[in-house]
N, C-alpha and C. Protein backbone atom coordinates (compact mmCIF):
# COMPACT_ATOMS: atom_id res chain seq x y z
N MET A 1 46.04 55.46 -7.70
CA MET A 1 45.85 55.66 -9.12
C MET A 1 46.91 56.61 -9.64
N ALA A 2 47.40 56.36 -10.83
CA ALA A 2 48.44 57.18 -11.42
C ALA A 2 47.88 58.53 -11.86
N ASP A 3 48.72 59.54 -11.76
CA ASP A 3 48.33 60.87 -12.21
C ASP A 3 48.59 60.97 -13.70
N THR A 4 47.57 61.29 -14.49
CA THR A 4 47.73 61.36 -15.94
C THR A 4 47.85 62.80 -16.42
N ALA A 5 48.00 63.75 -15.52
CA ALA A 5 48.07 65.16 -15.90
C ALA A 5 49.27 65.39 -16.83
N GLY A 6 49.04 66.15 -17.85
CA GLY A 6 50.10 66.53 -18.77
C GLY A 6 50.44 65.51 -19.84
N ILE A 7 49.79 64.37 -19.85
CA ILE A 7 50.08 63.35 -20.85
C ILE A 7 49.30 63.66 -22.11
N GLU A 8 49.99 63.71 -23.21
CA GLU A 8 49.33 63.89 -24.50
C GLU A 8 49.75 62.73 -25.39
N VAL A 9 48.83 62.21 -26.12
CA VAL A 9 49.09 61.06 -26.96
C VAL A 9 48.98 61.46 -28.41
N VAL A 10 49.88 60.93 -29.24
CA VAL A 10 49.82 61.18 -30.67
C VAL A 10 49.43 59.87 -31.34
N SER A 11 48.34 59.88 -32.07
CA SER A 11 47.86 58.71 -32.76
C SER A 11 47.72 59.03 -34.24
N GLN A 12 48.44 58.30 -35.05
CA GLN A 12 48.42 58.49 -36.50
C GLN A 12 48.66 59.95 -36.85
N GLY A 13 49.65 60.55 -36.15
CA GLY A 13 50.04 61.92 -36.46
C GLY A 13 49.14 62.99 -35.89
N LYS A 14 48.11 62.62 -35.13
CA LYS A 14 47.18 63.59 -34.57
C LYS A 14 47.35 63.63 -33.06
N LYS A 15 47.31 64.82 -32.49
CA LYS A 15 47.33 64.96 -31.05
C LYS A 15 45.94 64.58 -30.53
N THR A 16 45.89 63.59 -29.63
CA THR A 16 44.60 63.12 -29.16
C THR A 16 44.32 63.51 -27.71
N GLY A 17 45.23 64.19 -27.05
CA GLY A 17 45.01 64.57 -25.66
C GLY A 17 45.43 63.46 -24.73
N LYS A 18 44.88 63.51 -23.54
CA LYS A 18 45.21 62.49 -22.54
C LYS A 18 43.95 61.75 -22.13
N PRO A 19 44.11 60.51 -21.72
CA PRO A 19 42.95 59.74 -21.27
C PRO A 19 42.37 60.32 -19.98
N SER A 20 41.05 60.28 -19.87
CA SER A 20 40.39 60.66 -18.61
C SER A 20 40.73 59.58 -17.59
N ALA A 21 40.34 59.79 -16.35
CA ALA A 21 40.59 58.81 -15.30
C ALA A 21 39.94 57.47 -15.65
N ALA A 22 38.69 57.48 -16.13
CA ALA A 22 37.99 56.24 -16.48
C ALA A 22 38.67 55.55 -17.66
N GLN A 23 39.08 56.32 -18.65
CA GLN A 23 39.77 55.76 -19.82
C GLN A 23 41.11 55.16 -19.40
N PHE A 24 41.83 55.87 -18.55
CA PHE A 24 43.13 55.40 -18.08
C PHE A 24 42.98 54.06 -17.35
N ARG A 25 42.00 53.96 -16.44
CA ARG A 25 41.79 52.71 -15.70
C ARG A 25 41.46 51.57 -16.66
N TYR A 26 40.62 51.85 -17.65
CA TYR A 26 40.25 50.84 -18.64
C TYR A 26 41.48 50.38 -19.43
N LEU A 27 42.22 51.32 -19.96
CA LEU A 27 43.39 50.99 -20.78
C LEU A 27 44.47 50.28 -19.97
N GLN A 28 44.65 50.68 -18.74
CA GLN A 28 45.68 50.12 -17.87
C GLN A 28 45.48 48.61 -17.69
N ARG A 29 44.25 48.18 -17.67
CA ARG A 29 43.96 46.76 -17.44
C ARG A 29 44.42 45.87 -18.59
N GLY A 30 44.68 46.46 -19.76
CA GLY A 30 45.15 45.67 -20.90
C GLY A 30 46.64 45.40 -20.91
N LEU A 31 47.39 46.11 -20.06
CA LEU A 31 48.85 45.95 -20.06
C LEU A 31 49.30 44.54 -19.74
N ASP A 32 48.62 43.87 -18.82
CA ASP A 32 49.04 42.55 -18.37
C ASP A 32 48.29 41.40 -19.04
N GLN A 33 47.47 41.72 -20.04
CA GLN A 33 46.68 40.69 -20.71
C GLN A 33 47.33 40.26 -22.02
N ALA A 34 47.15 39.02 -22.37
CA ALA A 34 47.68 38.50 -23.63
C ALA A 34 47.14 39.32 -24.79
N GLY A 35 48.02 39.83 -25.62
CA GLY A 35 47.63 40.60 -26.79
C GLY A 35 47.05 41.96 -26.46
N GLY A 36 47.12 42.37 -25.19
CA GLY A 36 46.58 43.67 -24.79
C GLY A 36 45.06 43.69 -24.70
N LYS A 37 44.44 42.50 -24.56
CA LYS A 37 42.98 42.43 -24.48
C LYS A 37 42.46 43.29 -23.34
N LEU A 38 41.44 44.06 -23.65
CA LEU A 38 40.83 44.95 -22.66
C LEU A 38 39.57 44.31 -22.08
N PRO A 39 39.26 44.62 -20.83
CA PRO A 39 38.14 43.96 -20.16
C PRO A 39 36.77 44.48 -20.59
N LEU A 40 35.79 43.66 -20.38
CA LEU A 40 34.40 44.07 -20.58
C LEU A 40 33.80 44.58 -19.28
N PHE A 41 34.41 44.18 -18.15
CA PHE A 41 33.90 44.53 -16.82
C PHE A 41 35.02 45.12 -15.98
N ASP A 42 34.65 46.03 -15.07
CA ASP A 42 35.65 46.63 -14.19
C ASP A 42 35.95 45.69 -13.02
N VAL A 43 36.82 46.12 -12.11
CA VAL A 43 37.24 45.27 -11.00
C VAL A 43 36.09 44.95 -10.04
N ASN A 44 35.01 45.71 -10.09
CA ASN A 44 33.84 45.47 -9.25
C ASN A 44 32.77 44.65 -9.96
N GLY A 45 33.06 44.18 -11.17
CA GLY A 45 32.11 43.37 -11.91
C GLY A 45 31.07 44.15 -12.70
N GLN A 46 31.23 45.47 -12.76
CA GLN A 46 30.30 46.30 -13.52
C GLN A 46 30.80 46.42 -14.96
N ARG A 47 29.88 46.40 -15.90
CA ARG A 47 30.25 46.52 -17.31
C ARG A 47 30.90 47.87 -17.56
N ILE A 48 31.99 47.88 -18.35
CA ILE A 48 32.66 49.13 -18.72
C ILE A 48 31.69 49.93 -19.59
N ASN A 49 31.60 51.20 -19.34
CA ASN A 49 30.71 52.09 -20.07
C ASN A 49 31.09 52.10 -21.56
N ASP A 50 30.11 51.90 -22.43
CA ASP A 50 30.37 51.91 -23.88
C ASP A 50 30.98 53.22 -24.35
N GLN A 51 30.59 54.32 -23.74
CA GLN A 51 31.14 55.62 -24.12
C GLN A 51 32.64 55.67 -23.85
N THR A 52 33.08 55.09 -22.74
CA THR A 52 34.51 55.02 -22.41
C THR A 52 35.25 54.24 -23.47
N ILE A 53 34.70 53.09 -23.84
CA ILE A 53 35.35 52.24 -24.84
C ILE A 53 35.38 52.93 -26.20
N ARG A 54 34.26 53.48 -26.62
CA ARG A 54 34.19 54.14 -27.93
C ARG A 54 35.11 55.35 -28.02
N SER A 55 35.23 56.09 -26.94
CA SER A 55 36.13 57.26 -26.97
C SER A 55 37.59 56.81 -27.04
N CYS A 56 37.91 55.70 -26.41
CA CYS A 56 39.28 55.17 -26.51
C CYS A 56 39.58 54.70 -27.94
N VAL A 57 38.59 54.07 -28.58
CA VAL A 57 38.76 53.67 -29.98
C VAL A 57 38.93 54.90 -30.86
N LYS A 58 38.09 55.90 -30.66
CA LYS A 58 38.15 57.12 -31.46
C LYS A 58 39.50 57.82 -31.34
N ASN A 59 40.09 57.78 -30.13
CA ASN A 59 41.38 58.41 -29.90
C ASN A 59 42.57 57.54 -30.32
N GLY A 60 42.28 56.32 -30.77
CA GLY A 60 43.36 55.44 -31.24
C GLY A 60 44.09 54.70 -30.14
N TRP A 61 43.54 54.69 -28.91
CA TRP A 61 44.18 54.01 -27.80
C TRP A 61 43.86 52.54 -27.76
N CYS A 62 42.79 52.13 -28.42
CA CYS A 62 42.45 50.71 -28.53
C CYS A 62 41.73 50.52 -29.86
N GLU A 63 41.60 49.25 -30.22
CA GLU A 63 40.92 48.93 -31.47
C GLU A 63 40.06 47.70 -31.28
N SER A 64 39.02 47.59 -32.07
CA SER A 64 38.14 46.43 -32.01
C SER A 64 38.95 45.18 -32.31
N TRP A 65 38.71 44.14 -31.54
CA TRP A 65 39.53 42.95 -31.68
C TRP A 65 38.71 41.74 -32.11
N ALA A 66 37.62 41.49 -31.43
CA ALA A 66 36.86 40.28 -31.70
C ALA A 66 35.37 40.54 -31.47
N ARG A 67 34.55 39.73 -32.07
CA ARG A 67 33.11 39.80 -31.88
C ARG A 67 32.72 38.71 -30.88
N ASN A 68 31.81 39.04 -29.99
CA ASN A 68 31.27 38.06 -29.06
C ASN A 68 29.96 37.56 -29.67
N PRO A 69 29.92 36.30 -30.12
CA PRO A 69 28.71 35.81 -30.78
C PRO A 69 27.49 35.77 -29.86
N VAL A 70 27.71 35.64 -28.56
CA VAL A 70 26.61 35.60 -27.61
C VAL A 70 26.08 37.01 -27.34
N LYS A 71 26.97 37.98 -27.30
CA LYS A 71 26.61 39.38 -27.04
C LYS A 71 27.22 40.25 -28.13
N PRO A 72 26.64 40.28 -29.33
CA PRO A 72 27.26 41.00 -30.45
C PRO A 72 27.36 42.51 -30.24
N ASP A 73 26.62 43.07 -29.29
CA ASP A 73 26.70 44.51 -29.05
C ASP A 73 27.87 44.88 -28.13
N TRP A 74 28.54 43.91 -27.52
CA TRP A 74 29.67 44.17 -26.65
C TRP A 74 30.91 44.47 -27.48
N LEU A 75 31.66 45.47 -27.08
CA LEU A 75 32.89 45.85 -27.77
C LEU A 75 34.08 45.16 -27.12
N VAL A 76 34.67 44.21 -27.82
CA VAL A 76 35.87 43.54 -27.33
C VAL A 76 37.05 44.19 -28.04
N CYS A 77 37.92 44.82 -27.27
CA CYS A 77 39.01 45.60 -27.85
C CYS A 77 40.36 45.19 -27.28
N LYS A 78 41.40 45.67 -27.93
CA LYS A 78 42.76 45.47 -27.44
C LYS A 78 43.50 46.79 -27.53
N LEU A 79 44.54 46.92 -26.71
CA LEU A 79 45.36 48.12 -26.70
C LEU A 79 46.09 48.30 -28.03
N THR A 80 46.25 49.53 -28.44
CA THR A 80 47.14 49.84 -29.55
C THR A 80 48.45 50.33 -28.94
N GLU A 81 49.44 50.55 -29.76
CA GLU A 81 50.71 51.09 -29.27
C GLU A 81 50.50 52.46 -28.62
N ALA A 82 49.64 53.28 -29.21
CA ALA A 82 49.34 54.60 -28.64
C ALA A 82 48.69 54.46 -27.26
N GLY A 83 47.81 53.49 -27.10
CA GLY A 83 47.17 53.25 -25.80
C GLY A 83 48.16 52.77 -24.77
N ARG A 84 49.02 51.87 -25.19
CA ARG A 84 50.07 51.37 -24.30
C ARG A 84 50.96 52.52 -23.84
N ASN A 85 51.35 53.38 -24.77
CA ASN A 85 52.19 54.53 -24.43
C ASN A 85 51.47 55.50 -23.48
N ALA A 86 50.20 55.71 -23.69
CA ALA A 86 49.42 56.62 -22.84
C ALA A 86 49.42 56.12 -21.39
N VAL A 87 49.28 54.81 -21.23
CA VAL A 87 49.24 54.24 -19.88
C VAL A 87 50.63 54.24 -19.26
N ILE A 88 51.62 53.82 -20.00
CA ILE A 88 52.98 53.74 -19.46
C ILE A 88 53.48 55.13 -19.07
N LYS A 89 53.26 56.11 -19.90
CA LYS A 89 53.72 57.47 -19.61
C LYS A 89 52.92 58.10 -18.49
N GLY A 90 51.70 57.64 -18.27
CA GLY A 90 50.85 58.20 -17.23
C GLY A 90 51.03 57.52 -15.88
N SER A 91 51.79 56.41 -15.84
CA SER A 91 51.98 55.69 -14.59
C SER A 91 52.93 56.40 -13.65
């Protein structure tokens, strides 16, 4: 796993800090996906914690992308430029 120590992200002119380990793993998975789509489940098949996703949205690292009509409470998000930068700089 990449060390994210010392990484600070600026989103819309605000210093947002650095992603936690869980946030970093979540955001990292969007780098290789079409449009930066972020996963709903981790590599072990467990659902990504909603708090992790919401905190990434709040920090400007990802944004809501689409609604899942079958599971409307699921947050489907994609990386923002700030999120992409946070992952690339932390790698």
